[in-house]
Amino acid sequence: MAERSANRWQLDVPVIVASHRAPVQFRREGGRRLARRGAGGLVTALLGLVREIPDAVWVCAASTEEDAAVVAEHRGKAIPITLGPLPRIADGDTGDDPVAMIRMVEIDPAAREDFYSVISNPMLWFVQHGLYDLTRAPNIDEVEHEAFEHGYVAVNQAFADTIAEEVESRGGRALVMLHDYHFYLVAALVRQRCPDVVLSHFVHIPWPGPDAWRVLPPHMRDQLLTGLLGNDIVAFHTERFARNFLLCAQELLGLPIDLEKMVVQYGPRTIAAKTYPISIDVDSLLETAQSKAVRTRLDDLEAWLAAEGGKLIVRVDRTDPSKNIVRGFLAFERLLDDHPELVGKVRFLAFLQPSRLDVPEYVEYIGRIGSVVARINAKYTRGGEAPIDLRLHEDFLTAVAAYSICDVVMVNSIADGMNLVAKEAVCVSRRNAVLALSENTGAHEELGAFAVTLYPFDIQQQADALYIALMMPEEERRERLEAAAQIVRANNVTKWLDFQLSDLAEFTGLWSWHPSEPS
């Protein structure tokens, strides 16, 4: 990110950020303790906030054995971490490296399993992404009921207790910014102990309408909703998700809502549903794209593409069923069926990171991906060259190189809170790539006017859309890409955070808001 002034966010209230994933993770390797900083724009933005606001702290889960060892050494208190290229515990002179305070919450392994692998994933994830085949699943019984109470509720209580301690140590007055579907109960629990706290919760995944939530037993969904209503602001990526949240409060809890003001009344309190589409750290991405490591990979890809000739479609995803990868490959097959002149002249390069291999549905989905790709490659391999190059591992640097030279980027998700691949690709493309984008992504609300829209369940339509994208005239490609990239550059991840802090200041009236300009 661009260098900032000493305190870009001039808040006069302490800030506590909370997420399940830690911004820094510790591990032991070769007898040495190593720290690895989390990737992505969210971590960059929130660490910037935590390091620049006096007395700020990030509360997160201890997820490795070495994390637990660090927690024990610091007796459960906040840990000062340097934020240079190689993060470490600040135990003396930190040089020019900024420092952020991180407090890790150690969770009982059995509770963690119930919290994460039964309730958070797959249950909440599947409900919120519409992934259940309701004729077969979920089959909620005592396992899920016990996992909710002894896992999800217990872990949320542990985080709430830790956050409340941090608030109380700051005189009972603080801004708490909660993140994602792991902690829907935390706000209400914190507010019980700290009634003067300001609370916001950003939901990073889709929020479906009331009927989707009827899959869950009433006591579960009611607890989740009332937990979120402990916040002052509940935030989403899109207007649709925010409206759905208010409709859930109305239909499932019987609460009065105002869809013009986008608020819900819960007893004496008014809670706002707000929209803040998250973005990427554009400067950091461009720096990566221009790095020697990416240039080396780019040379390799360009040589491969020159030898093969033709056009290139790229996708970058986790192997999550919500990403709709199988239908994407079936659409590519239909494209080749309908346009045999493209056989041997269009390649599909897919970077797929295996994900959540402890969840049976994910393991089965990876198997389906492999089977479909093998069948299509057997059908359309010519001269020993397969049309689909499937890479089942994380390779962000090569993916960035591929963004820059591809002709089409395919994002056909069943449902997606945002999808940052779409934003990354339009910022680094050097070949005027066309964005083929699912209407069910949060990114479509911002970039859809400049993309070729995909309807994620319609394989024929997706095939036709890929053809349109591949054949689009160069001038139209350039105009679309430039317009999309300008939107992403103008609304970067720092602006995303600015808008939230400004609204919280205005909505609560509890602190002043004087954002300084970057230096």
Protein backbone atom coordinates (compact mmCIF):
# COMPACT_ATOMS: atom_id res chain seq x y z
CA MET A 1 0.00 0.00 0.00
CA ALA A 2 1.04 3.59 -0.43
CA GLU A 3 2.95 5.11 2.47
CA ARG A 4 0.61 6.81 4.92
CA SER A 5 0.92 9.60 7.40
CA ALA A 6 1.59 8.74 11.03
CA ASN A 7 -2.10 8.09 11.59
CA ARG A 8 -4.29 8.14 8.51
CA TRP A 9 -7.31 7.12 10.59
CA GLN A 10 -7.43 9.81 13.27
CA LEU A 11 -9.85 8.12 15.63
CA ASP A 12 -10.09 9.14 19.26
CA VAL A 13 -11.40 5.73 20.32
CA PRO A 14 -9.44 2.46 20.74
CA VAL A 15 -9.96 -0.17 18.03
CA ILE A 16 -10.28 -3.94 18.45
CA VAL A 17 -10.37 -6.08 15.31
CA ALA A 18 -11.50 -9.72 15.55
CA SER A 19 -11.35 -12.53 13.01
CA HIS A 20 -10.91 -16.28 13.10
CA ARG A 21 -7.86 -16.29 10.86
CA ALA A 22 -4.76 -14.70 12.34
CA PRO A 23 -2.90 -11.97 10.45
CA VAL A 24 0.34 -13.70 11.49
CA GLN A 25 0.83 -17.42 12.03
CA PHE A 26 3.73 -19.07 13.85
CA ARG A 27 5.35 -22.40 13.04
CA ARG A 28 8.54 -24.20 14.04
CA GLU A 29 10.95 -25.26 11.34
CA GLY A 30 14.42 -26.66 11.83
CA GLY A 31 14.26 -25.79 15.51
CA ARG A 32 13.54 -22.13 14.74
CA ARG A 33 10.34 -20.19 15.25
CA LEU A 34 9.11 -18.64 12.03
CA ALA A 35 6.24 -16.22 11.50
CA ARG A 36 4.24 -15.94 8.31
CA ARG A 37 2.07 -12.95 7.51
CA GLY A 38 -1.38 -13.58 6.07
CA ALA A 39 -1.95 -12.65 2.45
CA GLY A 40 -4.57 -10.43 0.89
CA GLY A 41 -5.94 -6.93 0.99
CA LEU A 42 -8.08 -7.47 4.08
CA VAL A 43 -5.07 -8.36 6.23
CA THR A 44 -3.10 -5.43 4.79
CA ALA A 45 -5.86 -2.91 5.47
CA LEU A 46 -6.73 -4.09 8.96
CA LEU A 47 -3.11 -4.42 10.04
CA GLY A 48 -2.63 -0.86 8.83
CA LEU A 49 -5.47 0.22 11.08
CA VAL A 50 -4.22 -1.75 14.08
CA ARG A 51 -0.66 -0.45 13.77
CA GLU A 52 -1.69 3.20 13.35
CA ILE A 53 -4.36 3.55 16.03
CA PRO A 54 -2.95 3.90 19.55
CA ASP A 55 -3.93 1.05 21.87
CA ALA A 56 -5.40 -1.08 19.06
CA VAL A 57 -5.33 -4.88 19.05
CA TRP A 58 -6.29 -7.72 16.69
CA VAL A 59 -7.99 -10.71 18.38
CA CYS A 60 -7.72 -14.00 16.45
CA ALA A 61 -7.49 -17.75 16.89
CA ALA A 62 -4.31 -19.63 17.78
CA SER A 63 -4.36 -22.31 15.08
CA THR A 64 -0.94 -23.99 15.27
CA GLU A 65 1.08 -25.61 18.05
CA GLU A 66 3.59 -22.79 17.80
CA ASP A 67 0.78 -20.23 18.08
CA ALA A 68 -0.22 -21.93 21.34
CA ALA A 69 3.38 -21.81 22.57
CA VAL A 70 3.52 -18.07 21.86
CA VAL A 71 0.24 -17.57 23.73
CA ALA A 72 1.61 -19.44 26.74
CA GLU A 73 4.82 -17.40 26.75
CA HIS A 74 2.81 -14.18 26.81
CA ARG A 75 0.36 -15.55 29.40
CA GLY A 76 -2.60 -15.04 27.11
CA LYS A 77 -1.94 -11.33 26.69
CA ALA A 78 -1.49 -9.31 23.50
CA ILE A 79 1.69 -9.96 21.52
CA PRO A 80 3.66 -7.17 19.79
CA ILE A 81 4.48 -8.22 16.22
CA THR A 82 6.73 -6.39 13.77
CA LEU A 83 5.18 -5.94 10.33
CA GLY A 84 8.27 -5.93 8.15
CA PRO A 85 8.90 -8.41 5.32
CA LEU A 86 9.71 -11.07 7.93
CA PRO A 87 7.33 -10.58 10.87
CA ARG A 88 8.55 -11.50 14.35
CA ILE A 89 7.75 -10.91 17.98
CA ALA A 90 8.94 -7.43 18.93
CA ASP A 91 11.38 -8.05 21.77
CA GLY A 92 13.66 -5.05 21.65
CA ASP A 93 14.73 -2.72 18.87
CA THR A 94 12.36 -3.10 15.92
CA GLY A 95 14.23 -0.71 13.65
CA ASP A 96 11.96 0.92 11.11
CA ASP A 97 9.42 -1.89 11.16
CA PRO A 98 5.96 -0.90 12.45
CA VAL A 99 4.46 -2.93 15.28
CA ALA A 100 0.92 -4.25 15.76
CA MET A 101 -0.60 -5.87 18.84
CA ILE A 102 -2.16 -9.30 18.29
CA ARG A 103 -4.00 -11.35 20.90
CA MET A 104 -4.52 -15.02 20.11
CA VAL A 105 -7.33 -17.05 21.65
CA GLU A 106 -6.49 -20.67 22.38
CA ILE A 107 -9.43 -22.98 21.70
CA ASP A 108 -10.03 -26.48 23.05
CA PRO A 109 -9.42 -28.90 20.13
CA ALA A 110 -12.79 -30.66 20.51
CA ALA A 111 -14.63 -27.33 20.60
CA ARG A 112 -12.64 -26.14 17.59
CA GLU A 113 -13.63 -29.23 15.60
CA ASP A 114 -17.33 -28.69 16.34
CA PHE A 115 -17.08 -24.94 15.77
CA TYR A 116 -15.18 -25.08 12.52
CA SER A 117 -15.75 -28.45 10.86
CA VAL A 118 -19.39 -29.04 11.78
CA ILE A 119 -21.09 -25.64 12.11
CA SER A 120 -18.98 -23.02 10.31
CA ASN A 121 -17.99 -25.42 7.53
CA PRO A 122 -20.00 -26.95 6.07
CA MET A 123 -23.28 -25.88 7.69
CA LEU A 124 -23.17 -22.07 7.63
CA TRP A 125 -21.07 -21.99 4.47
CA PHE A 126 -23.48 -24.30 2.64
CA VAL A 127 -26.58 -22.41 3.82
CA GLN A 128 -25.16 -19.05 2.82
CA HIS A 129 -23.91 -20.24 -0.59
CA GLY A 130 -26.99 -22.31 -1.43
CA LEU A 131 -24.98 -25.54 -1.74
CA TYR A 132 -27.25 -28.05 -0.01
CA ASP A 133 -29.15 -30.61 -2.06
CA LEU A 134 -32.16 -30.37 0.25
CA THR A 135 -33.53 -33.78 -0.72
CA ARG A 136 -30.43 -35.29 0.88
CA ALA A 137 -28.86 -32.77 3.25
CA PRO A 138 -28.53 -31.44 5.83
CA ASN A 139 -29.70 -34.14 8.21
CA ILE A 140 -29.53 -32.22 11.47
CA ASP A 141 -29.46 -34.43 14.56
CA GLU A 142 -27.82 -34.53 17.98
CA VAL A 143 -24.35 -34.21 16.43
CA GLU A 144 -25.15 -30.80 14.97
CA HIS A 145 -27.14 -29.67 18.01
CA GLU A 146 -24.26 -30.55 20.34
CA ALA A 147 -21.70 -29.04 17.96
CA PHE A 148 -23.63 -25.79 17.94
CA GLU A 149 -23.75 -25.55 21.74
CA HIS A 150 -20.35 -27.00 22.62
CA GLY A 151 -18.51 -25.70 19.57
CA TYR A 152 -19.96 -22.62 17.91
CA VAL A 153 -21.51 -21.08 21.04
CA ALA A 154 -18.51 -21.98 23.21
CA VAL A 155 -15.93 -20.53 20.82
CA ASN A 156 -17.99 -17.38 20.29
CA GLN A 157 -18.19 -17.01 24.08
CA ALA A 158 -14.41 -17.42 24.40
CA PHE A 159 -13.82 -14.72 21.81
CA ALA A 160 -16.45 -12.46 23.38
CA ASP A 161 -14.80 -12.83 26.80
CA THR A 162 -11.39 -11.96 25.34
CA ILE A 163 -12.73 -8.96 23.46
CA ALA A 164 -14.64 -7.77 26.54
CA GLU A 165 -11.42 -7.96 28.58
CA GLU A 166 -9.69 -5.78 25.99
CA VAL A 167 -12.59 -3.31 26.00
CA GLU A 168 -12.68 -3.14 29.81
CA SER A 169 -8.93 -2.57 29.94
CA ARG A 170 -9.57 0.50 27.77
CA GLY A 171 -12.17 1.95 30.12
CA GLY A 172 -15.17 0.22 28.55
CA ARG A 173 -15.11 2.40 25.45
CA ALA A 174 -13.84 1.02 22.14
CA LEU A 175 -14.72 0.28 18.54
CA VAL A 176 -14.92 -3.48 17.91
CA MET A 177 -14.82 -4.63 14.28
CA LEU A 178 -15.86 -8.28 13.89
CA HIS A 179 -15.35 -10.29 10.71
CA ASP A 180 -17.20 -13.10 8.99
CA TYR A 181 -19.47 -16.05 9.64
CA HIS A 182 -17.46 -17.62 12.45
CA PHE A 183 -18.59 -15.05 15.04
CA TYR A 184 -22.27 -14.22 14.57
CA LEU A 185 -22.90 -14.47 18.33
CA VAL A 186 -20.01 -12.34 19.58
CA ALA A 187 -21.50 -8.84 19.36
CA ALA A 188 -24.47 -9.55 21.62
CA LEU A 189 -22.23 -11.30 24.16
CA VAL A 190 -19.75 -8.41 24.23
CA ARG A 191 -22.54 -5.85 24.57
CA GLN A 192 -23.88 -7.65 27.66
CA ARG A 193 -20.59 -6.91 29.46
CA CYS A 194 -19.71 -3.63 27.75
CA PRO A 195 -22.90 -1.68 26.96
CA ASP A 196 -21.04 1.43 25.78
CA VAL A 197 -18.99 -0.34 23.14
CA VAL A 198 -19.40 0.41 19.40
CA LEU A 199 -19.72 -2.82 17.41
CA SER A 200 -19.68 -3.59 13.70
CA HIS A 201 -19.70 -6.93 11.94
CA PHE A 202 -18.61 -7.43 8.33
CA VAL A 203 -20.07 -10.55 6.69
CA HIS A 204 -17.71 -11.49 3.87
CA ILE A 205 -19.88 -14.22 2.32
CA PRO A 206 -23.36 -14.04 0.75
CA TRP A 207 -26.37 -13.43 2.98
CA PRO A 208 -29.37 -15.25 1.50
CA GLY A 209 -33.06 -14.49 2.00
CA PRO A 210 -35.23 -15.82 4.85
CA ASP A 211 -36.23 -19.09 3.20
CA ALA A 212 -32.62 -20.26 2.95
CA TRP A 213 -32.24 -19.86 6.72
CA ARG A 214 -35.28 -22.06 7.40
CA VAL A 215 -32.95 -25.00 6.81
CA LEU A 216 -31.61 -24.39 10.32
CA PRO A 217 -33.59 -25.16 13.49
CA PRO A 218 -35.34 -22.02 14.80
CA HIS A 219 -33.22 -21.76 17.94
CA MET A 220 -30.02 -21.78 15.88
CA ARG A 221 -31.06 -19.20 13.31
CA ASP A 222 -32.66 -17.00 15.98
CA GLN A 223 -29.43 -17.00 18.01
CA LEU A 224 -27.38 -16.16 14.94
CA LEU A 225 -29.64 -13.25 14.00
CA THR A 226 -30.01 -11.82 17.49
CA GLY A 227 -26.27 -12.17 17.95
CA LEU A 228 -25.67 -10.00 14.90
CA LEU A 229 -28.24 -7.51 16.17
CA GLY A 230 -25.87 -6.77 19.03
CA ASN A 231 -23.94 -4.65 16.51
CA ASP A 232 -24.49 -1.02 15.60
CA ILE A 233 -23.78 -1.77 11.94
CA VAL A 234 -23.91 -5.10 10.09
CA ALA A 235 -22.03 -4.77 6.82
CA PHE A 236 -22.10 -6.68 3.53
CA HIS A 237 -20.53 -6.52 0.08
CA THR A 238 -23.77 -5.84 -1.83
CA GLU A 239 -27.13 -4.12 -1.44
CA ARG A 240 -28.86 -7.43 -2.08
CA PHE A 241 -27.15 -9.12 0.87
CA ALA A 242 -27.97 -6.15 3.14
CA ARG A 243 -31.65 -6.24 2.13
CA ASN A 244 -31.76 -9.99 2.69
CA PHE A 245 -30.44 -9.50 6.22
CA LEU A 246 -33.18 -7.01 7.05
CA LEU A 247 -35.83 -9.28 5.53
CA CYS A 248 -34.57 -12.11 7.75
CA ALA A 249 -34.95 -9.88 10.82
CA GLN A 250 -38.49 -9.06 9.73
CA GLU A 251 -39.70 -12.51 8.67
CA LEU A 252 -37.81 -14.76 11.09
CA LEU A 253 -37.77 -12.53 14.19
CA GLY A 254 -40.83 -10.35 13.56
CA LEU A 255 -38.87 -7.10 13.90
CA PRO A 256 -39.79 -3.77 12.24
CA ILE A 257 -37.48 -2.75 9.38
CA ASP A 258 -37.14 0.25 7.08
CA LEU A 259 -35.83 -0.69 3.63
CA GLU A 260 -35.41 2.95 2.62
CA LYS A 261 -33.20 3.80 5.58
CA MET A 262 -31.84 0.21 5.67
CA VAL A 263 -32.30 -0.21 9.41
CA VAL A 264 -33.97 -2.65 11.80
CA GLN A 265 -35.38 -1.79 15.22
CA TYR A 266 -34.41 -4.23 17.97
CA GLY A 267 -35.87 -3.11 21.27
CA PRO A 268 -34.57 0.40 22.01
CA ARG A 269 -31.70 0.04 19.55
CA THR A 270 -31.52 0.78 15.81
CA ILE A 271 -29.15 -1.36 13.75
CA ALA A 272 -28.08 -0.34 10.25
CA ALA A 273 -27.39 -2.73 7.37
CA LYS A 274 -24.66 -1.18 5.23
CA THR A 275 -22.91 -2.01 1.98
CA TYR A 276 -19.14 -1.78 1.49
CA PRO A 277 -17.80 -3.76 -1.49
CA ILE A 278 -14.33 -4.92 -0.50
CA SER A 279 -11.44 -4.39 -2.88
CA ILE A 280 -7.79 -5.26 -3.27
CA ASP A 281 -4.49 -3.61 -2.40
CA VAL A 282 -3.87 -2.37 -5.95
CA ASP A 283 -0.39 -0.97 -5.29
CA SER A 284 0.80 -4.20 -3.71
CA LEU A 285 -0.65 -6.29 -6.56
CA LEU A 286 1.02 -4.14 -9.22
CA GLU A 287 4.30 -4.38 -7.34
CA THR A 288 3.94 -8.17 -7.34
CA ALA A 289 3.07 -8.19 -11.06
CA GLN A 290 6.27 -6.27 -11.82
CA SER A 291 8.48 -8.45 -9.61
CA LYS A 292 11.29 -10.60 -10.96
CA ALA A 293 9.51 -13.76 -9.78
CA VAL A 294 6.39 -12.96 -11.79
CA ARG A 295 8.41 -11.84 -14.83
CA THR A 296 10.19 -15.20 -14.86
CA ARG A 297 6.88 -17.04 -14.77
CA LEU A 298 5.51 -14.69 -17.41
CA ASP A 299 8.38 -15.55 -19.75
CA ASP A 300 7.63 -19.26 -19.31
CA LEU A 301 3.90 -18.77 -19.97
CA GLU A 302 4.51 -16.60 -23.03
CA ALA A 303 6.87 -19.21 -24.47
CA TRP A 304 4.29 -21.92 -23.84
CA LEU A 305 1.50 -19.86 -25.36
CA ALA A 306 3.60 -18.88 -28.40
CA ALA A 307 4.40 -22.53 -29.04
CA GLU A 308 0.76 -23.50 -28.75
CA GLY A 309 -0.69 -20.44 -30.46
CA GLY A 310 -4.26 -19.31 -30.08
CA LYS A 311 -6.09 -17.83 -27.10
CA LEU A 312 -6.02 -18.40 -23.36
CA ILE A 313 -8.82 -18.68 -20.79
CA VAL A 314 -7.75 -18.52 -17.14
CA ARG A 315 -9.48 -19.23 -13.85
CA VAL A 316 -8.07 -19.04 -10.31
CA ASP A 317 -10.07 -20.59 -7.47
CA ARG A 318 -10.16 -22.80 -4.44
CA THR A 319 -11.74 -26.21 -5.05
CA ASP A 320 -14.92 -25.11 -3.31
CA PRO A 321 -18.24 -26.34 -4.76
CA SER A 322 -19.50 -22.74 -4.64
CA LYS A 323 -16.92 -21.82 -7.31
CA ASN A 324 -18.84 -23.90 -9.89
CA ILE A 325 -15.66 -25.28 -11.43
CA VAL A 326 -17.21 -28.40 -12.96
CA ARG A 327 -19.86 -26.43 -14.84
CA GLY A 328 -17.13 -24.07 -16.02
CA PHE A 329 -15.27 -26.95 -17.64
CA LEU A 330 -18.51 -28.33 -19.09
CA ALA A 331 -19.15 -24.91 -20.63
CA PHE A 332 -15.66 -24.98 -22.16
CA GLU A 333 -16.41 -28.43 -23.58
CA ARG A 334 -19.65 -27.11 -25.08
CA LEU A 335 -17.69 -24.21 -26.59
CA LEU A 336 -15.44 -26.69 -28.40
CA ASP A 337 -18.43 -28.83 -29.40
CA ASP A 338 -20.19 -25.83 -30.94
CA HIS A 339 -17.07 -24.29 -32.51
CA PRO A 340 -14.78 -27.08 -33.72
CA GLU A 341 -12.61 -24.47 -35.43
CA LEU A 342 -11.40 -23.51 -31.93
CA VAL A 343 -10.10 -26.98 -31.08
CA GLY A 344 -6.35 -26.68 -30.64
CA LYS A 345 -6.57 -22.90 -30.70
CA VAL A 346 -7.97 -22.17 -27.22
CA ARG A 347 -6.35 -23.31 -23.97
CA PHE A 348 -7.92 -23.30 -20.53
CA LEU A 349 -5.40 -22.76 -17.72
CA ALA A 350 -6.92 -23.45 -14.29
CA PHE A 351 -5.14 -22.75 -11.01
CA LEU A 352 -7.12 -24.59 -8.33
CA GLN A 353 -6.04 -24.64 -4.70
CA PRO A 354 -7.32 -27.74 -2.84
CA SER A 355 -9.54 -26.56 0.00
CA ARG A 356 -11.13 -28.01 3.17
CA LEU A 357 -10.07 -31.58 2.54
CA ASP A 358 -11.56 -32.57 5.90
CA VAL A 359 -15.06 -31.98 4.47
CA PRO A 360 -16.32 -35.01 2.44
CA GLU A 361 -18.24 -32.86 -0.03
CA TYR A 362 -15.04 -31.02 -0.95
CA VAL A 363 -13.07 -34.23 -1.47
CA GLU A 364 -15.83 -35.60 -3.70
CA TYR A 365 -15.89 -32.35 -5.67
CA ILE A 366 -12.15 -32.50 -6.39
CA GLY A 367 -12.71 -36.01 -7.72
CA ARG A 368 -15.44 -34.73 -10.05
CA ILE A 369 -13.18 -31.95 -11.29
CA GLY A 370 -10.44 -34.41 -12.16
CA SER A 371 -12.83 -36.79 -13.91
CA VAL A 372 -14.41 -34.07 -16.05
CA VAL A 373 -11.04 -32.61 -17.05
CA ALA A 374 -9.67 -36.05 -17.95
CA ARG A 375 -12.70 -36.78 -20.15
CA ILE A 376 -12.56 -33.42 -21.96
CA ASN A 377 -8.82 -33.70 -22.50
CA ALA A 378 -9.20 -37.23 -23.87
CA LYS A 379 -11.88 -35.97 -26.24
CA TYR A 380 -10.07 -32.90 -27.55
CA THR A 381 -6.33 -33.49 -27.22
CA ARG A 382 -4.66 -32.82 -30.57
CA GLY A 383 -1.02 -33.45 -31.38
CA GLY A 384 -0.34 -34.43 -27.80
CA GLU A 385 -1.57 -31.07 -26.46
CA ALA A 386 -4.51 -31.13 -24.04
CA PRO A 387 -6.93 -28.18 -24.09
CA ILE A 388 -7.15 -27.93 -20.27
CA ASP A 389 -4.06 -27.40 -18.13
CA LEU A 390 -5.20 -28.20 -14.58
CA ARG A 391 -2.85 -27.15 -11.78
CA LEU A 392 -4.05 -28.39 -8.41
CA HIS A 393 -1.89 -26.29 -6.11
CA GLU A 394 -1.59 -22.72 -4.95
CA ASP A 395 0.62 -20.66 -7.25
CA PHE A 396 -0.31 -17.00 -6.87
CA LEU A 397 2.74 -15.68 -8.71
CA THR A 398 2.06 -17.76 -11.83
CA ALA A 399 -1.61 -16.85 -11.58
CA VAL A 400 -0.70 -13.14 -11.63
CA ALA A 401 1.47 -13.79 -14.68
CA ALA A 402 -1.44 -15.59 -16.35
CA TYR A 403 -3.81 -12.70 -15.59
CA SER A 404 -1.52 -10.39 -17.51
CA ILE A 405 -1.50 -12.36 -20.79
CA CYS A 406 -4.83 -14.19 -20.89
CA ASP A 407 -7.70 -13.35 -23.24
CA VAL A 408 -10.54 -14.28 -20.88
CA VAL A 409 -10.82 -14.61 -17.09
CA MET A 410 -13.66 -16.94 -16.08
CA VAL A 411 -15.49 -16.49 -12.76
CA ASN A 412 -18.74 -18.49 -12.79
CA SER A 413 -19.45 -18.91 -9.06
CA ILE A 414 -22.77 -20.27 -7.83
CA ALA A 415 -22.55 -17.62 -5.10
CA ASP A 416 -19.71 -15.38 -3.95
CA GLY A 417 -19.58 -12.61 -1.39
CA MET A 418 -17.28 -10.61 -3.67
CA ASN A 419 -14.64 -12.59 -5.62
CA LEU A 420 -11.38 -10.69 -5.71
CA VAL A 421 -9.99 -12.69 -8.64
CA ALA A 422 -12.15 -10.52 -10.89
CA LYS A 423 -10.63 -7.35 -9.42
CA GLU A 424 -7.06 -8.66 -9.50
CA ALA A 425 -7.30 -9.70 -13.13
CA VAL A 426 -8.59 -6.41 -14.52
CA CYS A 427 -5.81 -4.49 -12.76
CA VAL A 428 -2.86 -6.44 -14.17
CA SER A 429 -4.05 -7.51 -17.63
CA ARG A 430 -1.73 -6.45 -20.44
CA ARG A 431 -3.77 -8.16 -23.16
CA ASN A 432 -7.13 -6.48 -22.60
CA ALA A 433 -8.61 -9.58 -21.02
CA VAL A 434 -12.39 -9.93 -21.02
CA LEU A 435 -13.96 -10.67 -17.65
CA ALA A 436 -16.57 -13.45 -17.89
CA LEU A 437 -18.33 -12.95 -14.57
CA SER A 438 -21.16 -14.72 -12.76
CA GLU A 439 -24.17 -12.59 -11.95
CA ASN A 440 -24.13 -14.20 -8.48
CA THR A 441 -20.85 -12.64 -7.39
CA GLY A 442 -20.63 -9.50 -5.35
CA ALA A 443 -18.13 -8.21 -7.92
CA HIS A 444 -20.87 -8.23 -10.57
CA GLU A 445 -22.67 -5.39 -8.77
CA GLU A 446 -19.61 -3.20 -9.44
CA LEU A 447 -18.07 -4.63 -12.61
CA GLY A 448 -20.97 -6.35 -14.36
CA ALA A 449 -21.53 -3.50 -16.83
CA PHE A 450 -18.03 -4.07 -18.21
CA ALA A 451 -18.01 -7.88 -18.11
CA VAL A 452 -19.65 -10.64 -20.12
CA THR A 453 -22.24 -11.93 -17.67
CA LEU A 454 -22.42 -15.65 -16.89
CA TYR A 455 -25.52 -17.41 -15.58
CA PRO A 456 -23.89 -20.07 -13.43
CA PHE A 457 -26.36 -22.92 -13.91
CA ASP A 458 -26.75 -22.51 -17.69
CA ILE A 459 -23.91 -24.36 -19.41
CA GLN A 460 -25.00 -23.39 -22.92
CA GLN A 461 -25.19 -19.70 -22.00
CA GLN A 462 -21.73 -19.85 -20.43
CA ALA A 463 -20.33 -21.49 -23.56
CA ASP A 464 -21.91 -18.80 -25.74
CA ALA A 465 -20.56 -16.09 -23.41
CA LEU A 466 -17.04 -17.53 -23.63
CA TYR A 467 -17.28 -17.39 -27.42
CA ILE A 468 -18.43 -13.77 -27.30
CA ALA A 469 -15.54 -12.93 -24.99
CA LEU A 470 -12.97 -14.69 -27.16
CA MET A 471 -14.22 -13.05 -30.36
CA MET A 472 -14.75 -9.54 -28.96
CA PRO A 473 -13.14 -6.75 -31.01
CA GLU A 474 -9.93 -5.36 -29.56
CA GLU A 475 -11.24 -1.82 -29.06
CA GLU A 476 -14.27 -3.04 -27.10
CA ARG A 477 -12.02 -5.27 -24.98
CA ARG A 478 -9.78 -2.33 -24.18
CA GLU A 479 -12.67 -0.01 -23.25
CA ARG A 480 -14.28 -2.59 -20.97
CA LEU A 481 -11.02 -3.44 -19.23
CA GLU A 482 -10.03 0.18 -18.66
CA ALA A 483 -13.45 1.03 -17.20
CA ALA A 484 -13.39 -1.97 -14.84
CA ALA A 485 -9.81 -1.30 -13.75
CA GLN A 486 -10.63 2.34 -13.02
CA ILE A 487 -13.45 1.28 -10.67
CA VAL A 488 -11.11 -1.04 -8.77
CA ARG A 489 -8.34 1.56 -8.54
CA ALA A 490 -10.73 4.27 -7.34
CA ASN A 491 -12.28 2.04 -4.67
CA ASN A 492 -9.28 0.30 -3.20
CA VAL A 493 -9.13 -1.55 0.11
CA THR A 494 -8.16 1.59 2.04
CA LYS A 495 -11.28 3.38 0.79
CA TRP A 496 -13.30 0.31 1.83
CA LEU A 497 -12.12 0.78 5.40
CA ASP A 498 -12.53 4.58 5.27
CA PHE A 499 -16.21 4.29 4.34
CA GLN A 500 -16.90 1.96 7.27
CA LEU A 501 -15.19 4.16 9.83
CA SER A 502 -16.94 7.26 8.51
CA ASP A 503 -20.37 5.62 8.73
CA LEU A 504 -19.69 4.27 12.21
CA ALA A 505 -18.70 7.74 13.39
CA GLU A 506 -21.82 9.29 11.87
CA PHE A 507 -24.21 6.54 12.95
CA THR A 508 -23.10 6.33 16.58
CA GLY A 509 -21.90 9.90 17.14
CA LEU A 510 -19.48 8.55 19.73
CA TRP A 511 -16.21 9.80 18.27
CA SER A 512 -14.83 12.30 15.83
CA TRP A 513 -13.82 11.37 12.31
CA HIS A 514 -10.95 13.26 10.71
CA PRO A 515 -9.33 11.12 8.00
CA SER A 516 -6.01 12.51 6.91
CA GLU A 517 -4.88 12.20 3.32
CA PRO A 518 -2.10 9.77 2.46
CA SER A 519 1.27 11.43 2.34
